[in-house]
C-alpha atoms as a PDB file:
ATOM      1  CA  MET A   1      32.566 -71.280  16.509  1.00  0.00           C
ATOM      2  CA  LEU A   2      29.835 -69.655  18.579  1.00  0.00           C
ATOM      3  CA  ASN A   3      29.045 -69.860  22.268  1.00  0.00           C
ATOM      4  CA  VAL A   4      25.345 -70.730  22.352  1.00  0.00           C
ATOM      5  CA  THR A   5      23.149 -70.944  25.461  1.00  0.00           C
ATOM      6  CA  ILE A   6      20.868 -73.998  25.640  1.00  0.00           C
ATOM      7  CA  ALA A   7      18.732 -74.404  28.768  1.00  0.00           C
ATOM      8  CA  SER A   8      18.657 -78.119  29.586  1.00  0.00           C
ATOM      9  CA  HIS A   9      18.504 -80.471  32.564  1.00  0.00           C
ATOM     10  CA  GLU A  10      21.366 -82.515  31.061  1.00  0.00           C
ATOM     11  CA  ASP A  11      24.571 -81.336  29.385  1.00  0.00           C
ATOM     12  CA  PRO A  12      23.520 -80.675  25.749  1.00  0.00           C
ATOM     13  CA  ARG A  13      27.147 -81.167  24.627  1.00  0.00           C
ATOM     14  CA  HIS A  14      27.047 -84.896  25.458  1.00  0.00           C
ATOM     15  CA  GLY A  15      28.037 -86.849  22.346  1.00  0.00           C
ATOM     16  CA  PHE A  16      29.598 -83.876  20.563  1.00  0.00           C
ATOM     17  CA  GLN A  17      33.222 -83.014  19.898  1.00  0.00           C
ATOM     18  CA  PRO A  18      34.510 -79.424  19.480  1.00  0.00           C
ATOM     19  CA  GLY A  19      34.008 -78.277  15.888  1.00  0.00           C
ATOM     20  CA  MET A  20      31.577 -81.108  15.072  1.00  0.00           C
ATOM     21  CA  PRO A  21      28.885 -79.973  12.576  1.00  0.00           C
ATOM     22  CA  CYS A  22      25.507 -79.640  14.256  1.00  0.00           C
ATOM     23  CA  GLU A  23      22.035 -78.199  13.839  1.00  0.00           C
ATOM     24  CA  LEU A  24      20.817 -75.634  16.348  1.00  0.00           C
ATOM     25  CA  VAL A  25      17.060 -76.086  16.762  1.00  0.00           C
ATOM     26  CA  GLY A  26      15.168 -72.859  17.459  1.00  0.00           C
ATOM     27  CA  PHE A  27      18.333 -70.788  16.983  1.00  0.00           C
ATOM     28  CA  GLU A  28      17.998 -67.106  17.925  1.00  0.00           C
ATOM     29  CA  VAL A  29      20.373 -64.169  17.779  1.00  0.00           C
ATOM     30  CA  GLY A  30      19.731 -61.268  20.116  1.00  0.00           C
ATOM     31  CA  VAL A  31      21.230 -57.886  20.868  1.00  0.00           C
ATOM     32  CA  MET A  32      21.098 -56.116  24.204  1.00  0.00           C
ATOM     33  CA  ASP A  33      22.590 -52.969  25.661  1.00  0.00           C
ATOM     34  CA  LYS A  34      26.044 -53.323  27.171  1.00  0.00           C
ATOM     35  CA  THR A  35      26.095 -51.204  30.319  1.00  0.00           C
ATOM     36  CA  ILE A  36      28.496 -50.124  33.028  1.00  0.00           C
ATOM     37  CA  LYS A  37      27.701 -48.542  36.375  1.00  0.00           C
ATOM     38  CA  ASP A  38      28.889 -44.944  36.691  1.00  0.00           C
ATOM     39  CA  LYS A  39      31.131 -44.794  39.789  1.00  0.00           C
ATOM     40  CA  ASN A  40      30.081 -41.240  40.639  1.00  0.00           C
ATOM     41  CA  THR A  41      26.306 -41.469  40.188  1.00  0.00           C
ATOM     42  CA  GLY A  42      25.670 -45.211  40.527  1.00  0.00           C
ATOM     43  CA  GLU A  43      23.543 -45.114  37.381  1.00  0.00           C
ATOM     44  CA  ASP A  44      23.862 -47.615  34.544  1.00  0.00           C
ATOM     45  CA  LYS A  45      25.324 -46.124  31.380  1.00  0.00           C
ATOM     46  CA  VAL A  46      24.952 -47.710  27.932  1.00  0.00           C
ATOM     47  CA  VAL A  47      28.418 -48.117  26.392  1.00  0.00           C
ATOM     48  CA  GLY A  48      27.624 -50.325  23.410  1.00  0.00           C
ATOM     49  CA  ALA A  49      25.815 -53.480  22.393  1.00  0.00           C
ATOM     50  CA  GLN A  50      26.257 -57.146  23.226  1.00  0.00           C
ATOM     51  CA  VAL A  51      25.208 -59.991  20.915  1.00  0.00           C
ATOM     52  CA  TYR A  52      23.995 -63.307  22.333  1.00  0.00           C
ATOM     53  CA  TYR A  53      23.025 -66.655  20.810  1.00  0.00           C
ATOM     54  CA  ARG A  54      20.526 -69.213  22.141  1.00  0.00           C
ATOM     55  CA  ALA A  55      18.875 -72.393  20.895  1.00  0.00           C
ATOM     56  CA  ASP A  56      16.203 -74.813  22.084  1.00  0.00           C
ATOM     57  CA  ALA A  57      18.246 -77.919  21.239  1.00  0.00           C
ATOM     58  CA  ILE A  58      21.301 -79.216  19.383  1.00  0.00           C
ATOM     59  CA  ARG A  59      21.569 -82.245  17.092  1.00  0.00           C
ATOM     60  CA  PRO A  60      24.295 -83.674  14.908  1.00  0.00           C
ATOM     61  CA  ILE A  61      23.983 -82.802  11.218  1.00  0.00           C
ATOM     62  CA  GLY A  62      22.400 -85.729   9.403  1.00  0.00           C
ATOM     63  CA  GLY A  63      21.176 -87.381  12.615  1.00  0.00           C
ATOM     64  CA  SER A  64      17.684 -87.297  14.018  1.00  0.00           C
ATOM     65  CA  GLY A  65      18.528 -87.943  17.665  1.00  0.00           C
ATOM     66  CA  ARG A  66      15.888 -88.204  20.340  1.00  0.00           C
ATOM     67  CA  LYS A  67      14.468 -84.791  21.092  1.00  0.00           C
ATOM     68  CA  ASN A  68      14.045 -85.415  24.825  1.00  0.00           C
ATOM     69  CA  GLU A  69      17.785 -86.033  25.170  1.00  0.00           C
ATOM     70  CA  GLN A  70      18.794 -82.855  23.369  1.00  0.00           C
ATOM     71  CA  ALA A  71      16.119 -80.292  24.190  1.00  0.00           C
ATOM     72  CA  ALA A  72      15.163 -78.689  27.461  1.00  0.00           C
END
């Protein structure tokens, strides 16, 4: 399972159960710097990478759904 960010006015999980197969519309994977603030200098220091997942909408596999209910 993945934690995916979907910007929406309503809860995009409505009608879904954990582990239920779904389609992520407009799915994107991104990577950004993982940083910490140096206590001595106050500067941000890159300590690795962080992966994130986002989508425009979610729909059940095999169902069409109404886009305005599932997309932002």
